[in-house]
Amino acid sequence: MGLRNDSRVKMHLSGSKLTLEQMLYARMADELAFLSWAKTKDGQKNRNRPESILKALISDKSDDTVSFLTTEDFDNEWEKIVHGKYDR
């Protein structure tokens, strides 16, 4: 296709949410946080372990984002919102 691996189109087509570089940076941050935490009293007692940044980035969060395939679909939804017929 001639597109960069981190282009929005290529990532969308491949189903990727993150680039390899972003995943590696998140993993490095997680490991650094773990090593720092392991040296604390909480780490020695296995309490308050730091949350994984990589896991948070990869997890499938459901959100209220709506997408439309056509402008007509968008216009119909917009009319519902404007005229108070929105039932979400």
N, C-alpha and C. Protein backbone atom coordinates (compact mmCIF):
# COMPACT_ATOMS: atom_id res chain seq x y z
N MET A 1 0.80 -1.19 0.00
CA MET A 1 0.00 0.00 0.00
C MET A 1 0.85 1.25 0.00
N GLY A 2 2.07 1.15 0.43
CA GLY A 2 2.93 2.32 0.46
C GLY A 2 2.72 3.22 1.66
N LEU A 3 1.92 2.79 2.62
CA LEU A 3 1.66 3.60 3.81
C LEU A 3 2.61 3.22 4.93
N ARG A 4 2.86 4.18 5.81
CA ARG A 4 3.67 3.89 7.00
C ARG A 4 2.91 2.89 7.87
N ASN A 5 3.63 2.13 8.67
CA ASN A 5 2.98 1.17 9.57
C ASN A 5 2.12 1.86 10.61
N ASP A 6 2.43 3.12 10.93
CA ASP A 6 1.66 3.82 11.95
C ASP A 6 0.61 4.77 11.35
N SER A 7 0.32 4.64 10.06
CA SER A 7 -0.71 5.48 9.45
C SER A 7 -2.08 5.03 9.97
N ARG A 8 -2.99 5.99 10.11
CA ARG A 8 -4.32 5.67 10.64
C ARG A 8 -5.05 4.65 9.78
N VAL A 9 -4.92 4.78 8.46
CA VAL A 9 -5.61 3.87 7.56
C VAL A 9 -5.08 2.45 7.72
N LYS A 10 -3.78 2.30 7.72
CA LYS A 10 -3.18 0.96 7.82
C LYS A 10 -3.47 0.33 9.18
N MET A 11 -3.43 1.15 10.24
CA MET A 11 -3.73 0.62 11.57
C MET A 11 -5.20 0.20 11.65
N HIS A 12 -6.08 0.97 11.05
CA HIS A 12 -7.50 0.63 11.06
C HIS A 12 -7.74 -0.67 10.30
N LEU A 13 -7.13 -0.80 9.13
CA LEU A 13 -7.31 -2.00 8.32
C LEU A 13 -6.76 -3.24 9.01
N SER A 14 -5.68 -3.09 9.76
CA SER A 14 -5.08 -4.24 10.44
C SER A 14 -5.70 -4.49 11.81
N GLY A 15 -6.54 -3.57 12.26
CA GLY A 15 -7.18 -3.74 13.57
C GLY A 15 -6.28 -3.39 14.73
N SER A 16 -5.19 -2.69 14.49
CA SER A 16 -4.25 -2.31 15.54
C SER A 16 -4.69 -1.03 16.23
N LYS A 17 -4.53 -1.01 17.55
CA LYS A 17 -4.82 0.20 18.29
C LYS A 17 -3.55 0.98 18.57
N LEU A 18 -2.44 0.27 18.65
CA LEU A 18 -1.16 0.88 18.99
C LEU A 18 -0.08 0.43 18.01
N THR A 19 0.93 1.27 17.86
CA THR A 19 2.08 0.86 17.07
C THR A 19 2.99 0.00 17.95
N LEU A 20 3.90 -0.70 17.32
CA LEU A 20 4.87 -1.50 18.07
C LEU A 20 5.68 -0.61 19.00
N GLU A 21 6.07 0.56 18.50
CA GLU A 21 6.85 1.49 19.31
C GLU A 21 6.07 1.94 20.56
N GLN A 22 4.79 2.24 20.40
CA GLN A 22 3.97 2.64 21.53
C GLN A 22 3.84 1.52 22.56
N MET A 23 3.69 0.29 22.06
CA MET A 23 3.59 -0.85 22.98
C MET A 23 4.89 -1.06 23.74
N LEU A 24 6.01 -0.91 23.05
CA LEU A 24 7.30 -1.08 23.71
C LEU A 24 7.53 0.00 24.77
N TYR A 25 7.18 1.25 24.46
CA TYR A 25 7.32 2.32 25.44
C TYR A 25 6.44 2.08 26.67
N ALA A 26 5.22 1.64 26.44
CA ALA A 26 4.32 1.36 27.55
C ALA A 26 4.86 0.20 28.39
N ARG A 27 5.39 -0.81 27.73
CA ARG A 27 5.97 -1.95 28.46
C ARG A 27 7.18 -1.52 29.29
N MET A 28 8.02 -0.66 28.71
CA MET A 28 9.19 -0.17 29.46
C MET A 28 8.75 0.63 30.67
N ALA A 29 7.73 1.47 30.51
CA ALA A 29 7.21 2.25 31.64
C ALA A 29 6.64 1.32 32.71
N ASP A 30 5.95 0.26 32.29
CA ASP A 30 5.42 -0.71 33.25
C ASP A 30 6.53 -1.39 34.03
N GLU A 31 7.57 -1.80 33.33
CA GLU A 31 8.69 -2.49 33.99
C GLU A 31 9.41 -1.56 34.96
N LEU A 32 9.61 -0.32 34.56
CA LEU A 32 10.26 0.64 35.44
C LEU A 32 9.41 0.89 36.69
N ALA A 33 8.11 1.03 36.50
CA ALA A 33 7.21 1.22 37.65
C ALA A 33 7.25 0.00 38.56
N PHE A 34 7.30 -1.20 37.97
CA PHE A 34 7.36 -2.41 38.77
C PHE A 34 8.65 -2.48 39.58
N LEU A 35 9.77 -2.19 38.93
CA LEU A 35 11.06 -2.24 39.64
C LEU A 35 11.11 -1.24 40.79
N SER A 36 10.57 -0.05 40.56
CA SER A 36 10.53 0.95 41.63
C SER A 36 9.61 0.50 42.75
N TRP A 37 8.46 -0.03 42.40
CA TRP A 37 7.49 -0.50 43.39
C TRP A 37 8.04 -1.67 44.20
N ALA A 38 8.78 -2.57 43.55
CA ALA A 38 9.30 -3.76 44.22
C ALA A 38 10.25 -3.41 45.36
N LYS A 39 10.85 -2.22 45.32
CA LYS A 39 11.79 -1.82 46.36
C LYS A 39 11.10 -1.13 47.54
N THR A 40 9.79 -0.95 47.46
CA THR A 40 9.07 -0.27 48.55
C THR A 40 8.52 -1.30 49.54
N LYS A 41 8.02 -0.79 50.66
CA LYS A 41 7.39 -1.67 51.65
C LYS A 41 6.15 -2.34 51.07
N ASP A 42 5.39 -1.60 50.27
CA ASP A 42 4.23 -2.20 49.63
C ASP A 42 4.64 -3.33 48.69
N GLY A 43 5.72 -3.14 47.98
CA GLY A 43 6.20 -4.17 47.07
C GLY A 43 6.64 -5.41 47.81
N GLN A 44 7.27 -5.25 48.96
CA GLN A 44 7.71 -6.39 49.75
C GLN A 44 6.53 -7.18 50.30
N LYS A 45 5.42 -6.48 50.52
CA LYS A 45 4.21 -7.14 51.04
C LYS A 45 3.18 -7.40 49.94
N ASN A 46 3.57 -7.14 48.69
CA ASN A 46 2.72 -7.37 47.52
C ASN A 46 1.39 -6.62 47.62
N ARG A 47 1.48 -5.33 47.97
CA ARG A 47 0.29 -4.48 48.06
C ARG A 47 0.45 -3.30 47.11
N ASN A 48 -0.69 -2.78 46.65
CA ASN A 48 -0.71 -1.57 45.83
C ASN A 48 0.21 -1.62 44.62
N ARG A 49 0.17 -2.74 43.93
CA ARG A 49 0.99 -2.89 42.72
C ARG A 49 0.55 -1.86 41.68
N PRO A 50 1.48 -1.25 40.99
CA PRO A 50 1.10 -0.23 39.99
C PRO A 50 0.30 -0.84 38.84
N GLU A 51 -0.64 -0.06 38.36
CA GLU A 51 -1.47 -0.50 37.22
C GLU A 51 -0.62 -0.52 35.95
N SER A 52 -0.91 -1.43 35.08
CA SER A 52 -0.18 -1.55 33.81
C SER A 52 -0.69 -0.53 32.81
N ILE A 53 0.22 0.27 32.29
CA ILE A 53 -0.13 1.24 31.26
C ILE A 53 -0.48 0.50 29.97
N LEU A 54 0.29 -0.52 29.64
CA LEU A 54 0.05 -1.28 28.42
C LEU A 54 -1.32 -1.94 28.46
N LYS A 55 -1.67 -2.52 29.57
CA LYS A 55 -2.98 -3.16 29.71
C LYS A 55 -4.10 -2.15 29.54
N ALA A 56 -3.93 -0.96 30.11
CA ALA A 56 -4.94 0.08 29.98
C ALA A 56 -5.08 0.53 28.53
N LEU A 57 -3.98 0.60 27.80
CA LEU A 57 -4.03 1.02 26.41
C LEU A 57 -4.64 -0.04 25.49
N ILE A 58 -4.39 -1.30 25.80
CA ILE A 58 -4.86 -2.39 24.96
C ILE A 58 -6.29 -2.78 25.27
N SER A 59 -6.72 -2.59 26.52
CA SER A 59 -8.04 -3.05 26.92
C SER A 59 -9.12 -2.45 26.05
N ASP A 60 -10.15 -3.22 25.83
CA ASP A 60 -11.26 -2.78 24.99
C ASP A 60 -12.25 -2.04 25.86
N LYS A 61 -12.12 -0.73 25.89
CA LYS A 61 -13.04 0.10 26.67
C LYS A 61 -14.24 0.43 25.80
N SER A 62 -15.40 0.22 26.36
CA SER A 62 -16.57 0.65 25.61
C SER A 62 -16.79 2.13 25.90
N ASP A 63 -17.04 2.87 24.86
CA ASP A 63 -17.27 4.30 25.05
C ASP A 63 -18.50 4.70 24.26
N ASP A 64 -18.81 5.95 24.29
CA ASP A 64 -20.01 6.45 23.63
C ASP A 64 -19.71 6.98 22.23
N THR A 65 -18.61 6.56 21.66
CA THR A 65 -18.26 7.00 20.32
C THR A 65 -19.18 6.34 19.30
N VAL A 66 -19.73 7.16 18.43
CA VAL A 66 -20.62 6.66 17.38
C VAL A 66 -20.03 7.05 16.05
N SER A 67 -20.03 6.13 15.11
CA SER A 67 -19.55 6.45 13.77
C SER A 67 -20.67 6.20 12.77
N PHE A 68 -20.58 6.83 11.64
CA PHE A 68 -21.61 6.75 10.62
C PHE A 68 -20.99 6.40 9.28
N LEU A 69 -21.69 5.60 8.51
CA LEU A 69 -21.20 5.21 7.19
C LEU A 69 -21.58 6.23 6.13
N THR A 70 -22.69 6.92 6.34
CA THR A 70 -23.13 7.89 5.35
C THR A 70 -23.47 9.22 6.01
N THR A 71 -23.51 10.26 5.22
CA THR A 71 -23.90 11.57 5.77
C THR A 71 -25.37 11.58 6.14
N GLU A 72 -26.17 10.79 5.46
CA GLU A 72 -27.59 10.72 5.80
C GLU A 72 -27.79 10.14 7.19
N ASP A 73 -27.02 9.10 7.54
CA ASP A 73 -27.10 8.53 8.88
C ASP A 73 -26.73 9.57 9.93
N PHE A 74 -25.68 10.33 9.65
CA PHE A 74 -25.26 11.38 10.57
C PHE A 74 -26.35 12.43 10.71
N ASP A 75 -26.91 12.89 9.59
CA ASP A 75 -27.96 13.92 9.62
C ASP A 75 -29.19 13.44 10.40
N ASN A 76 -29.56 12.19 10.22
CA ASN A 76 -30.71 11.65 10.95
C ASN A 76 -30.44 11.64 12.46
N GLU A 77 -29.26 11.22 12.84
CA GLU A 77 -28.91 11.20 14.26
C GLU A 77 -28.84 12.62 14.82
N TRP A 78 -28.31 13.54 14.05
CA TRP A 78 -28.21 14.94 14.47
C TRP A 78 -29.60 15.53 14.71
N GLU A 79 -30.53 15.22 13.83
CA GLU A 79 -31.90 15.71 13.99
C GLU A 79 -32.53 15.17 15.27
N LYS A 80 -32.26 13.92 15.59
CA LYS A 80 -32.78 13.35 16.84
C LYS A 80 -32.23 14.11 18.05
N ILE A 81 -30.96 14.43 18.01
CA ILE A 81 -30.34 15.15 19.12
C ILE A 81 -30.91 16.56 19.23
N VAL A 82 -30.99 17.25 18.13
CA VAL A 82 -31.45 18.64 18.11
C VAL A 82 -32.89 18.76 18.56
N HIS A 83 -33.73 17.81 18.15
CA HIS A 83 -35.16 17.91 18.44
C HIS A 83 -35.55 17.12 19.69
N GLY A 84 -34.57 16.69 20.49
CA GLY A 84 -34.86 16.05 21.77
C GLY A 84 -35.43 14.65 21.67
N LYS A 85 -35.22 13.99 20.58
CA LYS A 85 -35.74 12.63 20.41
C LYS A 85 -34.61 11.62 20.54
N TYR A 86 -33.65 12.01 21.31
CA TYR A 86 -32.46 11.18 21.49
C TYR A 86 -32.65 10.30 22.69
N ASP A 87 -32.58 9.00 22.55
CA ASP A 87 -32.89 8.07 23.66
C ASP A 87 -31.69 7.25 24.10
N ARG A 88 -30.55 7.85 24.21
CA ARG A 88 -29.37 7.12 24.69
C ARG A 88 -29.24 7.23 26.16
